[in-house]
Amino acid sequence: MLERPDAVLTLIPLLAVSGLATRTLIAATGIGTWLLGAPLAPVGYLAALALVVGELLAWPVADRIGGS
């Protein structure tokens, strides 16, 4: 069975690559569309970072540290 820690560890690299994959798909569709996809590369990395920070500060790890 897939548990929460496994899901979080799976989501981190998927989120990090998702921005680059979306940017590549947009750029592959035509000339000049790289301008539309350029801001998408860091979005994946920021989403992965937000997941890690959220997991550490707001979800089960924070609950365990708080003693509840």
PDB file of N, CA and C in Angstrom:
ATOM      1  N   MET A   1       0.843  -1.174   0.000  1.00  0.00           N
ATOM      2  CA  MET A   1       0.000   0.000   0.000  1.00  0.00           C
ATOM      3  C   MET A   1       0.893   1.244   0.000  1.00  0.00           C
ATOM      4  N   LEU A   2       0.475   2.227  -0.745  1.00  0.00           N
ATOM      5  CA  LEU A   2       1.219   3.470  -0.828  1.00  0.00           C
ATOM      6  C   LEU A   2       0.876   4.356   0.359  1.00  0.00           C
ATOM      7  N   GLU A   3       1.885   4.714   1.126  1.00  0.00           N
ATOM      8  CA  GLU A   3       1.662   5.562   2.295  1.00  0.00           C
ATOM      9  C   GLU A   3       2.088   6.987   1.984  1.00  0.00           C
ATOM     10  N   ARG A   4       1.760   7.902   2.871  1.00  0.00           N
ATOM     11  CA  ARG A   4       2.017   9.331   2.650  1.00  0.00           C
ATOM     12  C   ARG A   4       3.493   9.647   2.403  1.00  0.00           C
ATOM     13  N   PRO A   5       4.437   9.125   3.208  1.00  0.00           N
ATOM     14  CA  PRO A   5       5.845   9.447   2.926  1.00  0.00           C
ATOM     15  C   PRO A   5       6.294   8.989   1.540  1.00  0.00           C
ATOM     16  N   ASP A   6       5.800   7.837   1.108  1.00  0.00           N
ATOM     17  CA  ASP A   6       6.149   7.361  -0.230  1.00  0.00           C
ATOM     18  C   ASP A   6       5.589   8.289  -1.304  1.00  0.00           C
ATOM     19  N   ALA A   7       4.364   8.743  -1.108  1.00  0.00           N
ATOM     20  CA  ALA A   7       3.744   9.647  -2.080  1.00  0.00           C
ATOM     21  C   ALA A   7       4.489  10.976  -2.149  1.00  0.00           C
ATOM     22  N   VAL A   8       4.890  11.496  -1.002  1.00  0.00           N
ATOM     23  CA  VAL A   8       5.612  12.773  -0.980  1.00  0.00           C
ATOM     24  C   VAL A   8       6.961  12.628  -1.665  1.00  0.00           C
ATOM     25  N   LEU A   9       7.670  11.551  -1.388  1.00  0.00           N
ATOM     26  CA  LEU A   9       8.974  11.346  -2.021  1.00  0.00           C
ATOM     27  C   LEU A   9       8.842  11.120  -3.525  1.00  0.00           C
ATOM     28  N   THR A  10       7.712  10.604  -3.971  1.00  0.00           N
ATOM     29  CA  THR A  10       7.479  10.429  -5.397  1.00  0.00           C
ATOM     30  C   THR A  10       7.118  11.753  -6.058  1.00  0.00           C
ATOM     31  N   LEU A  11       6.371  12.591  -5.362  1.00  0.00           N
ATOM     32  CA  LEU A  11       5.926  13.856  -5.939  1.00  0.00           C
ATOM     33  C   LEU A  11       7.044  14.878  -6.114  1.00  0.00           C
ATOM     34  N   ILE A  12       8.044  14.859  -5.267  1.00  0.00           N
ATOM     35  CA  ILE A  12       9.097  15.881  -5.324  1.00  0.00           C
ATOM     36  C   ILE A  12       9.790  15.902  -6.688  1.00  0.00           C
ATOM     37  N   PRO A  13      10.351  14.789  -7.181  1.00  0.00           N
ATOM     38  CA  PRO A  13      10.990  14.873  -8.505  1.00  0.00           C
ATOM     39  C   PRO A  13       9.988  15.075  -9.641  1.00  0.00           C
ATOM     40  N   LEU A  14       8.766  14.548  -9.488  1.00  0.00           N
ATOM     41  CA  LEU A  14       7.767  14.755 -10.531  1.00  0.00           C
ATOM     42  C   LEU A  14       7.408  16.227 -10.670  1.00  0.00           C
ATOM     43  N   LEU A  15       7.256  16.907  -9.563  1.00  0.00           N
ATOM     44  CA  LEU A  15       6.971  18.342  -9.619  1.00  0.00           C
ATOM     45  C   LEU A  15       8.145  19.126 -10.191  1.00  0.00           C
ATOM     46  N   ALA A  16       9.354  18.739  -9.790  1.00  0.00           N
ATOM     47  CA  ALA A  16      10.539  19.458 -10.267  1.00  0.00           C
ATOM     48  C   ALA A  16      10.701  19.337 -11.781  1.00  0.00           C
ATOM     49  N   VAL A  17      10.358  18.195 -12.331  1.00  0.00           N
ATOM     50  CA  VAL A  17      10.510  17.974 -13.770  1.00  0.00           C
ATOM     51  C   VAL A  17       9.307  18.491 -14.553  1.00  0.00           C
ATOM     52  N   SER A  18       8.178  18.659 -13.897  1.00  0.00           N
ATOM     53  CA  SER A  18       6.956  19.031 -14.615  1.00  0.00           C
ATOM     54  C   SER A  18       7.078  20.382 -15.321  1.00  0.00           C
ATOM     55  N   GLY A  19       7.743  21.332 -14.711  1.00  0.00           N
ATOM     56  CA  GLY A  19       7.919  22.626 -15.361  1.00  0.00           C
ATOM     57  C   GLY A  19       8.758  22.521 -16.623  1.00  0.00           C
ATOM     58  N   LEU A  20       9.828  21.746 -16.555  1.00  0.00           N
ATOM     59  CA  LEU A  20      10.679  21.574 -17.736  1.00  0.00           C
ATOM     60  C   LEU A  20       9.958  20.799 -18.829  1.00  0.00           C
ATOM     61  N   ALA A  21       9.183  19.787 -18.439  1.00  0.00           N
ATOM     62  CA  ALA A  21       8.444  19.002 -19.429  1.00  0.00           C
ATOM     63  C   ALA A  21       7.390  19.847 -20.123  1.00  0.00           C
ATOM     64  N   THR A  22       6.677  20.657 -19.374  1.00  0.00           N
ATOM     65  CA  THR A  22       5.664  21.529 -19.967  1.00  0.00           C
ATOM     66  C   THR A  22       6.309  22.550 -20.885  1.00  0.00           C
ATOM     67  N   ARG A  23       7.424  23.091 -20.459  1.00  0.00           N
ATOM     68  CA  ARG A  23       8.149  24.068 -21.290  1.00  0.00           C
ATOM     69  C   ARG A  23       8.612  23.430 -22.588  1.00  0.00           C
ATOM     70  N   THR A  24       9.102  22.199 -22.519  1.00  0.00           N
ATOM     71  CA  THR A  24       9.554  21.493 -23.713  1.00  0.00           C
ATOM     72  C   THR A  24       8.397  21.230 -24.665  1.00  0.00           C
ATOM     73  N   LEU A  25       7.261  20.820 -24.133  1.00  0.00           N
ATOM     74  CA  LEU A  25       6.095  20.584 -24.980  1.00  0.00           C
ATOM     75  C   LEU A  25       5.631  21.849 -25.685  1.00  0.00           C
ATOM     76  N   ILE A  26       5.621  22.957 -24.970  1.00  0.00           N
ATOM     77  CA  ILE A  26       5.204  24.225 -25.577  1.00  0.00           C
ATOM     78  C   ILE A  26       6.208  24.658 -26.639  1.00  0.00           C
ATOM     79  N   ALA A  27       7.486  24.530 -26.343  1.00  0.00           N
ATOM     80  CA  ALA A  27       8.520  24.949 -27.292  1.00  0.00           C
ATOM     81  C   ALA A  27       8.542  24.056 -28.535  1.00  0.00           C
ATOM     82  N   ALA A  28       8.175  22.798 -28.385  1.00  0.00           N
ATOM     83  CA  ALA A  28       8.211  21.875 -29.520  1.00  0.00           C
ATOM     84  C   ALA A  28       7.060  22.105 -30.495  1.00  0.00           C
ATOM     85  N   THR A  29       6.061  22.856 -30.087  1.00  0.00           N
ATOM     86  CA  THR A  29       4.903  23.045 -30.961  1.00  0.00           C
ATOM     87  C   THR A  29       5.105  24.100 -32.035  1.00  0.00           C
ATOM     88  N   GLY A  30       6.094  24.956 -31.883  1.00  0.00           N
ATOM     89  CA  GLY A  30       6.295  25.958 -32.927  1.00  0.00           C
ATOM     90  C   GLY A  30       7.438  26.899 -32.636  1.00  0.00           C
ATOM     91  N   ILE A  31       7.712  27.749 -33.590  1.00  0.00           N
ATOM     92  CA  ILE A  31       8.799  28.716 -33.462  1.00  0.00           C
ATOM     93  C   ILE A  31       8.312  29.927 -32.678  1.00  0.00           C
ATOM     94  N   GLY A  32       9.115  30.400 -31.760  1.00  0.00           N
ATOM     95  CA  GLY A  32       8.779  31.579 -30.988  1.00  0.00           C
ATOM     96  C   GLY A  32       7.965  31.312 -29.744  1.00  0.00           C
ATOM     97  N   THR A  33       7.526  30.082 -29.565  1.00  0.00           N
ATOM     98  CA  THR A  33       6.720  29.796 -28.375  1.00  0.00           C
ATOM     99  C   THR A  33       7.573  29.587 -27.135  1.00  0.00           C
ATOM    100  N   TRP A  34       8.888  29.611 -27.288  1.00  0.00           N
ATOM    101  CA  TRP A  34       9.755  29.470 -26.114  1.00  0.00           C
ATOM    102  C   TRP A  34       9.554  30.642 -25.163  1.00  0.00           C
ATOM    103  N   LEU A  35       9.107  31.757 -25.694  1.00  0.00           N
ATOM    104  CA  LEU A  35       8.827  32.904 -24.829  1.00  0.00           C
ATOM    105  C   LEU A  35       7.673  32.609 -23.878  1.00  0.00           C
ATOM    106  N   LEU A  36       6.708  31.843 -24.347  1.00  0.00           N
ATOM    107  CA  LEU A  36       5.587  31.467 -23.482  1.00  0.00           C
ATOM    108  C   LEU A  36       6.011  30.450 -22.433  1.00  0.00           C
ATOM    109  N   GLY A  37       6.914  29.560 -22.819  1.00  0.00           N
ATOM    110  CA  GLY A  37       7.315  28.494 -21.914  1.00  0.00           C
ATOM    111  C   GLY A  37       8.468  28.837 -21.001  1.00  0.00           C
ATOM    112  N   ALA A  38       9.155  29.924 -21.243  1.00  0.00           N
ATOM    113  CA  ALA A  38      10.334  30.276 -20.451  1.00  0.00           C
ATOM    114  C   ALA A  38      10.053  30.371 -18.954  1.00  0.00           C
ATOM    115  N   PRO A  39       8.954  30.993 -18.515  1.00  0.00           N
ATOM    116  CA  PRO A  39       8.728  31.087 -17.071  1.00  0.00           C
ATOM    117  C   PRO A  39       8.276  29.776 -16.433  1.00  0.00           C
ATOM    118  N   LEU A  40       8.005  28.747 -17.228  1.00  0.00           N
ATOM    119  CA  LEU A  40       7.502  27.501 -16.661  1.00  0.00           C
ATOM    120  C   LEU A  40       8.586  26.641 -16.021  1.00  0.00           C
ATOM    121  N   ALA A  41       9.835  26.802 -16.429  1.00  0.00           N
ATOM    122  CA  ALA A  41      10.906  25.969 -15.876  1.00  0.00           C
ATOM    123  C   ALA A  41      11.045  26.136 -14.369  1.00  0.00           C
ATOM    124  N   PRO A  42      11.125  27.343 -13.841  1.00  0.00           N
ATOM    125  CA  PRO A  42      11.268  27.483 -12.391  1.00  0.00           C
ATOM    126  C   PRO A  42       9.993  27.158 -11.619  1.00  0.00           C
ATOM    127  N   VAL A  43       8.851  27.125 -12.284  1.00  0.00           N
ATOM    128  CA  VAL A  43       7.602  26.839 -11.581  1.00  0.00           C
ATOM    129  C   VAL A  43       7.615  25.429 -10.997  1.00  0.00           C
ATOM    130  N   GLY A  44       8.169  24.472 -11.735  1.00  0.00           N
ATOM    131  CA  GLY A  44       8.252  23.104 -11.229  1.00  0.00           C
ATOM    132  C   GLY A  44       9.135  23.000  -9.995  1.00  0.00           C
ATOM    133  N   TYR A  45      10.267  23.695 -10.039  1.00  0.00           N
ATOM    134  CA  TYR A  45      11.170  23.681  -8.890  1.00  0.00           C
ATOM    135  C   TYR A  45      10.532  24.356  -7.678  1.00  0.00           C
ATOM    136  N   LEU A  46       9.821  25.448  -7.913  1.00  0.00           N
ATOM    137  CA  LEU A  46       9.153  26.140  -6.813  1.00  0.00           C
ATOM    138  C   LEU A  46       8.024  25.300  -6.230  1.00  0.00           C
ATOM    139  N   ALA A  47       7.328  24.556  -7.068  1.00  0.00           N
ATOM    140  CA  ALA A  47       6.268  23.676  -6.578  1.00  0.00           C
ATOM    141  C   ALA A  47       6.850  22.560  -5.714  1.00  0.00           C
ATOM    142  N   ALA A  48       7.981  21.992  -6.137  1.00  0.00           N
ATOM    143  CA  ALA A  48       8.634  20.953  -5.339  1.00  0.00           C
ATOM    144  C   ALA A  48       9.122  21.518  -4.007  1.00  0.00           C
ATOM    145  N   LEU A  49       9.680  22.712  -4.039  1.00  0.00           N
ATOM    146  CA  LEU A  49      10.138  23.355  -2.811  1.00  0.00           C
ATOM    147  C   LEU A  49       8.966  23.656  -1.879  1.00  0.00           C
ATOM    148  N   ALA A  50       7.858  24.115  -2.448  1.00  0.00           N
ATOM    149  CA  ALA A  50       6.673  24.395  -1.634  1.00  0.00           C
ATOM    150  C   ALA A  50       6.132  23.119  -0.992  1.00  0.00           C
ATOM    151  N   LEU A  51       6.190  22.008  -1.709  1.00  0.00           N
ATOM    152  CA  LEU A  51       5.752  20.739  -1.138  1.00  0.00           C
ATOM    153  C   LEU A  51       6.636  20.343   0.043  1.00  0.00           C
ATOM    154  N   VAL A  52       7.942  20.476  -0.110  1.00  0.00           N
ATOM    155  CA  VAL A  52       8.860  20.115   0.973  1.00  0.00           C
ATOM    156  C   VAL A  52       8.654  21.020   2.186  1.00  0.00           C
ATOM    157  N   VAL A  53       8.580  22.321   1.954  1.00  0.00           N
ATOM    158  CA  VAL A  53       8.387  23.263   3.060  1.00  0.00           C
ATOM    159  C   VAL A  53       7.035  23.037   3.723  1.00  0.00           C
ATOM    160  N   GLY A  54       6.007  22.838   2.919  1.00  0.00           N
ATOM    161  CA  GLY A  54       4.680  22.572   3.481  1.00  0.00           C
ATOM    162  C   GLY A  54       4.647  21.293   4.290  1.00  0.00           C
ATOM    163  N   GLU A  55       5.331  20.294   3.816  1.00  0.00           N
ATOM    164  CA  GLU A  55       5.376  19.013   4.538  1.00  0.00           C
ATOM    165  C   GLU A  55       6.101  19.178   5.873  1.00  0.00           C
ATOM    166  N   LEU A  56       7.148  19.963   5.875  1.00  0.00           N
ATOM    167  CA  LEU A  56       7.908  20.149   7.107  1.00  0.00           C
ATOM    168  C   LEU A  56       7.207  21.062   8.110  1.00  0.00           C
ATOM    169  N   LEU A  57       6.525  22.083   7.625  1.00  0.00           N
ATOM    170  CA  LEU A  57       5.959  23.082   8.526  1.00  0.00           C
ATOM    171  C   LEU A  57       4.497  22.861   8.891  1.00  0.00           C
ATOM    172  N   ALA A  58       3.737  22.257   8.012  1.00  0.00           N
ATOM    173  CA  ALA A  58       2.290  22.248   8.241  1.00  0.00           C
ATOM    174  C   ALA A  58       1.670  20.873   8.389  1.00  0.00           C
ATOM    175  N   TRP A  59       2.335  19.816   7.989  1.00  0.00           N
ATOM    176  CA  TRP A  59       1.692  18.522   7.971  1.00  0.00           C
ATOM    177  C   TRP A  59       2.293  17.579   8.994  1.00  0.00           C
ATOM    178  N   PRO A  60       2.300  16.311   8.819  1.00  0.00           N
ATOM    179  CA  PRO A  60       2.622  15.348   9.879  1.00  0.00           C
ATOM    180  C   PRO A  60       3.935  15.571  10.617  1.00  0.00           C
ATOM    181  N   VAL A  61       4.944  16.066   9.943  1.00  0.00           N
ATOM    182  CA  VAL A  61       6.213  16.289  10.640  1.00  0.00           C
ATOM    183  C   VAL A  61       6.032  17.341  11.716  1.00  0.00           C
ATOM    184  N   ALA A  62       5.327  18.418  11.400  1.00  0.00           N
ATOM    185  CA  ALA A  62       5.076  19.459  12.382  1.00  0.00           C
ATOM    186  C   ALA A  62       4.215  18.942  13.531  1.00  0.00           C
ATOM    187  N   ASP A  63       3.270  18.071  13.231  1.00  0.00           N
ATOM    188  CA  ASP A  63       2.438  17.477  14.275  1.00  0.00           C
ATOM    189  C   ASP A  63       3.269  16.610  15.213  1.00  0.00           C
ATOM    190  N   ARG A  64       4.188  15.854  14.676  1.00  0.00           N
ATOM    191  CA  ARG A  64       5.027  15.000  15.514  1.00  0.00           C
ATOM    192  C   ARG A  64       5.963  15.833  16.393  1.00  0.00           C
ATOM    193  N   ILE A  65       6.475  16.933  15.857  1.00  0.00           N
ATOM    194  CA  ILE A  65       7.357  17.793  16.643  1.00  0.00           C
ATOM    195  C   ILE A  65       6.572  18.485  17.744  1.00  0.00           C
ATOM    196  N   GLY A  66       5.324  18.873  17.446  1.00  0.00           N
ATOM    197  CA  GLY A  66       4.476  19.556  18.415  1.00  0.00           C
ATOM    198  C   GLY A  66       4.014  18.648  19.548  1.00  0.00           C
ATOM    199  N   GLY A  67       4.135  17.372  19.368  1.00  0.00           N
ATOM    200  CA  GLY A  67       3.785  16.427  20.425  1.00  0.00           C
ATOM    201  C   GLY A  67       2.313  16.023  20.451  1.00  0.00           C
ATOM    202  N   SER A  68       1.593  16.313  19.400  1.00  0.00           N
ATOM    203  CA  SER A  68       0.173  15.937  19.420  1.00  0.00           C
ATOM    204  C   SER A  68      -0.068  14.585  18.826  1.00  0.00           C
TER     205      SER A  68
END
